[in-house]
C-alpha atoms as a PDB file:
ATOM      1  CA  MET A   1      23.907   5.136   9.266  1.00  0.00           C
ATOM      2  CA  PRO A   2      20.597   3.771  11.162  1.00  0.00           C
ATOM      3  CA  GLU A   3      20.683   1.699  13.841  1.00  0.00           C
ATOM      4  CA  ILE A   4      16.712   0.412  12.887  1.00  0.00           C
ATOM      5  CA  SER A   5      16.966  -1.922   9.664  1.00  0.00           C
ATOM      6  CA  GLN A   6      14.652  -2.089   6.571  1.00  0.00           C
ATOM      7  CA  GLU A   7      13.789  -5.286   7.900  1.00  0.00           C
ATOM      8  CA  TRP A   8      12.282  -3.973  11.525  1.00  0.00           C
ATOM      9  CA  THR A   9      10.311  -1.478   9.537  1.00  0.00           C
ATOM     10  CA  THR A  10       8.591  -3.152   7.278  1.00  0.00           C
ATOM     11  CA  GLU A  11       7.410  -4.868   9.591  1.00  0.00           C
ATOM     12  CA  MET A  12       6.033  -2.054  11.144  1.00  0.00           C
ATOM     13  CA  LYS A  13       3.915  -1.704   8.697  1.00  0.00           C
ATOM     14  CA  LYS A  14       3.159  -4.554   7.333  1.00  0.00           C
ATOM     15  CA  GLY A  15       0.710  -4.451  10.174  1.00  0.00           C
ATOM     16  CA  SER A  16      -0.943  -1.704   9.026  1.00  0.00           C
ATOM     17  CA  VAL A  17      -0.750  -2.122   5.703  1.00  0.00           C
ATOM     18  CA  GLN A  18      -4.771  -4.030   6.217  1.00  0.00           C
ATOM     19  CA  LEU A  19      -5.831  -0.929   8.326  1.00  0.00           C
ATOM     20  CA  CYS A  20      -5.191   1.381   5.630  1.00  0.00           C
ATOM     21  CA  LEU A  21      -6.155  -0.614   2.242  1.00  0.00           C
ATOM     22  CA  LEU A  22      -9.404  -0.253   4.196  1.00  0.00           C
ATOM     23  CA  ALA A  23      -9.959   2.820   5.480  1.00  0.00           C
ATOM     24  CA  LEU A  24      -8.992   3.853   1.723  1.00  0.00           C
ATOM     25  CA  LEU A  25     -11.860   1.843   0.146  1.00  0.00           C
ATOM     26  CA  THR A  26     -15.104   3.327   2.649  1.00  0.00           C
ATOM     27  CA  LYS A  27     -15.523   6.109   0.432  1.00  0.00           C
ATOM     28  CA  GLU A  28     -15.840   5.234  -2.993  1.00  0.00           C
ATOM     29  CA  GLN A  29     -14.161   2.239  -4.742  1.00  0.00           C
ATOM     30  CA  LYS A  30     -10.420   1.585  -5.791  1.00  0.00           C
ATOM     31  CA  TYR A  31      -8.519   0.406  -8.651  1.00  0.00           C
ATOM     32  CA  GLY A  32      -5.260  -0.649  -8.082  1.00  0.00           C
ATOM     33  CA  PHE A  33      -2.844   1.764  -9.236  1.00  0.00           C
ATOM     34  CA  GLN A  34      -4.852   4.512  -7.730  1.00  0.00           C
ATOM     35  CA  ILE A  35      -5.139   2.701  -4.187  1.00  0.00           C
ATOM     36  CA  VAL A  36      -1.045   2.571  -4.510  1.00  0.00           C
ATOM     37  CA  LYS A  37      -1.025   7.022  -5.512  1.00  0.00           C
ATOM     38  CA  GLU A  38      -3.408   7.100  -2.268  1.00  0.00           C
ATOM     39  CA  LEU A  39      -2.201   5.727   0.167  1.00  0.00           C
ATOM     40  CA  ARG A  40       2.232   6.706  -1.053  1.00  0.00           C
ATOM     41  CA  GLU A  41       0.504  10.440  -0.917  1.00  0.00           C
ATOM     42  CA  LEU A  42      -1.489  10.463   1.946  1.00  0.00           C
ATOM     43  CA  SER A  43       1.743   8.528   4.271  1.00  0.00           C
ATOM     44  CA  ASP A  44       4.318  11.228   2.324  1.00  0.00           C
ATOM     45  CA  GLY A  45       5.770   8.564   0.626  1.00  0.00           C
ATOM     46  CA  PHE A  46       6.173   5.792   4.030  1.00  0.00           C
ATOM     47  CA  PHE A  47       3.695   3.619   2.361  1.00  0.00           C
ATOM     48  CA  ASP A  48       4.404   3.281  -1.283  1.00  0.00           C
ATOM     49  CA  LEU A  49       3.903  -0.267  -1.968  1.00  0.00           C
ATOM     50  CA  LYS A  50       4.596  -2.287  -4.458  1.00  0.00           C
ATOM     51  CA  GLU A  51       2.530  -4.166  -7.371  1.00  0.00           C
ATOM     52  CA  GLY A  52       3.711  -7.732  -5.055  1.00  0.00           C
ATOM     53  CA  THR A  53       2.887  -6.173  -1.548  1.00  0.00           C
ATOM     54  CA  LEU A  54      -0.309  -4.332  -2.500  1.00  0.00           C
ATOM     55  CA  TYR A  55      -2.038  -7.163  -4.343  1.00  0.00           C
ATOM     56  CA  PRO A  56      -2.112 -10.412  -1.965  1.00  0.00           C
ATOM     57  CA  ALA A  57      -3.287  -7.733   0.825  1.00  0.00           C
ATOM     58  CA  LEU A  58      -6.447  -7.056  -0.729  1.00  0.00           C
ATOM     59  CA  ARG A  59      -6.469 -10.759  -2.153  1.00  0.00           C
ATOM     60  CA  ARG A  60      -6.228 -11.298   1.653  1.00  0.00           C
ATOM     61  CA  LEU A  61      -8.773  -8.773   2.775  1.00  0.00           C
ATOM     62  CA  GLU A  62     -11.000 -10.056  -0.160  1.00  0.00           C
ATOM     63  CA  GLU A  63     -11.157 -13.708   1.016  1.00  0.00           C
ATOM     64  CA  ARG A  64     -11.839 -12.717   4.451  1.00  0.00           C
ATOM     65  CA  GLY A  65     -15.043 -11.285   3.272  1.00  0.00           C
ATOM     66  CA  PHE A  66     -13.692  -6.949   3.519  1.00  0.00           C
ATOM     67  CA  VAL A  67     -12.814  -6.294   0.631  1.00  0.00           C
ATOM     68  CA  GLU A  68     -15.221  -7.584  -3.048  1.00  0.00           C
ATOM     69  CA  ALA A  69     -13.507  -7.402  -6.302  1.00  0.00           C
ATOM     70  CA  HIS A  70     -15.407  -6.190  -9.528  1.00  0.00           C
ATOM     71  CA  TRP A  71     -13.983  -5.718 -13.373  1.00  0.00           C
ATOM     72  CA  VAL A  72     -15.646  -2.343 -15.142  1.00  0.00           C
ATOM     73  CA  GLU A  73     -14.477  -2.393 -18.667  1.00  0.00           C
ATOM     74  CA  PRO A  74     -14.684   1.300 -19.519  1.00  0.00           C
ATOM     75  CA  GLN A  75     -15.048   2.696 -22.817  1.00  0.00           C
ATOM     76  CA  THR A  76     -11.252   3.256 -23.945  1.00  0.00           C
ATOM     77  CA  GLY A  77      -8.443   1.799 -22.631  1.00  0.00           C
ATOM     78  CA  ASN A  78      -8.491  -1.705 -21.045  1.00  0.00           C
ATOM     79  CA  PRO A  79     -10.352  -3.059 -18.359  1.00  0.00           C
ATOM     80  CA  ARG A  80      -9.371  -2.300 -14.248  1.00  0.00           C
ATOM     81  CA  LYS A  81     -10.481  -4.037 -11.404  1.00  0.00           C
ATOM     82  CA  TYR A  82     -12.285  -2.630  -8.737  1.00  0.00           C
ATOM     83  CA  TYR A  83     -11.780  -3.137  -4.918  1.00  0.00           C
ATOM     84  CA  ARG A  84     -14.461  -2.283  -2.344  1.00  0.00           C
ATOM     85  CA  ILE A  85     -14.825  -2.666   1.592  1.00  0.00           C
ATOM     86  CA  THR A  86     -18.190  -4.300   1.887  1.00  0.00           C
ATOM     87  CA  ASP A  87     -20.427  -3.999   5.870  1.00  0.00           C
ATOM     88  CA  ARG A  88     -18.480  -7.062   7.394  1.00  0.00           C
ATOM     89  CA  GLY A  89     -14.820  -4.861   6.693  1.00  0.00           C
ATOM     90  CA  ARG A  90     -16.624  -1.918   7.528  1.00  0.00           C
ATOM     91  CA  ARG A  91     -17.434  -3.788  10.627  1.00  0.00           C
ATOM     92  CA  ALA A  92     -13.434  -4.802  10.692  1.00  0.00           C
ATOM     93  CA  LEU A  93     -12.234  -1.555  10.234  1.00  0.00           C
ATOM     94  CA  SER A  94     -13.951   0.000  12.683  1.00  0.00           C
ATOM     95  CA  GLU A  95     -12.166  -2.649  15.963  1.00  0.00           C
ATOM     96  CA  ALA A  96      -9.430  -2.255  13.811  1.00  0.00           C
ATOM     97  CA  ILE A  97      -9.007   1.216  14.456  1.00  0.00           C
ATOM     98  CA  ALA A  98      -9.784   0.866  18.255  1.00  0.00           C
ATOM     99  CA  VAL A  99      -7.202  -1.992  19.037  1.00  0.00           C
ATOM    100  CA  TRP A 100      -4.413   0.359  16.808  1.00  0.00           C
ATOM    101  CA  ASP A 101      -6.054   3.603  18.946  1.00  0.00           C
ATOM    102  CA  ARG A 102      -5.172   1.689  22.316  1.00  0.00           C
ATOM    103  CA  MET A 103      -2.276   0.021  21.139  1.00  0.00           C
ATOM    104  CA  ALA A 104      -0.800   3.533  20.146  1.00  0.00           C
ATOM    105  CA  ALA A 105      -1.725   5.110  23.331  1.00  0.00           C
ATOM    106  CA  GLY A 106      -0.520   2.750  24.896  1.00  0.00           C
ATOM    107  CA  THR A 107       3.542   2.705  22.400  1.00  0.00           C
ATOM    108  CA  ARG A 108       2.630   6.410  23.526  1.00  0.00           C
ATOM    109  CA  ARG A 109       2.703   6.179  27.231  1.00  0.00           C
ATOM    110  CA  VAL A 110       5.594   3.101  27.279  1.00  0.00           C
ATOM    111  CA  LEU A 111       7.897   6.098  24.878  1.00  0.00           C
ATOM    112  CA  GLU A 112       7.070   8.984  27.706  1.00  0.00           C
ATOM    113  CA  ALA A 113       7.997   6.823  30.780  1.00  0.00           C
ATOM    114  CA  SER A 114      11.585   6.662  28.943  1.00  0.00           C
ATOM    115  CA  GLN A 115      12.561   9.247  28.765  1.00  0.00           C
END
């Protein structure tokens, strides 16, 4: 039986979901299902977001001006809401990556010192 609870893992994921979402949107705009699929594939299943997690996170990013959303009506099928990163979002991503790198390096040093 694992010693780490699902709650602990969930808390660790929460801290990095928004970073990952911004990173996924750097090259092109994407719609919700596409984001979920790519995030799951790129993380080898570690990030397997449900709609109840994805859309509130995207809404928070949109409220902060880091992403913009717009509807696209295809010639066939249903309209899709696409998300794209803004210039402000790119700056935030750059800052977040720097913080992430410092946190990861600091964590690694602590873990290595404890062995």
